[in-house]
Amino acid sequence: SEARISGEILQQELNSMMPVSILVSILKKKMAKEQNCDSSFMSSTRPMRFLDLCAAPGSKTCQLITALDTILAEDRDQEQKRCNDFVIVANELNPSRAIQLRQRCFQQCGSRSL
């Protein structure tokens, strides 16, 4: 379809979606647990850091950015602060696949992903 060719829709295998889904589930549980405590890892001044190795074509990276934006939006009122709450290093050694990764991240997540 045109949407798939233009990149509006990404096809992703279920087994590729699982790591991010599990990670997000763990983060949500941790956030819920720490809401009952005096201190929260979300209130830290340091951003959460993630390393995505062999990241091309970028589906998991984009899925992680979108998921983190969503769960952090629930925790924060200010949209501006969200992009400072996490850092993802998406690594790809193959130069042509690294270009594909960069293009996908830019297309799906905008300039803040670079």
Foldseek 3Di string as FASTA:
>chain_A
DVCVVVLVDDDDDPVLQVVLVVVLVVVVVQQVVCVPPPDHPQPDQQAAEEEAEQQPLPPSVLVNLVSQLVVVVVVDVDSVCSLRRYDYHYDHPDVVRVVNNVVSCCVRPNPSND
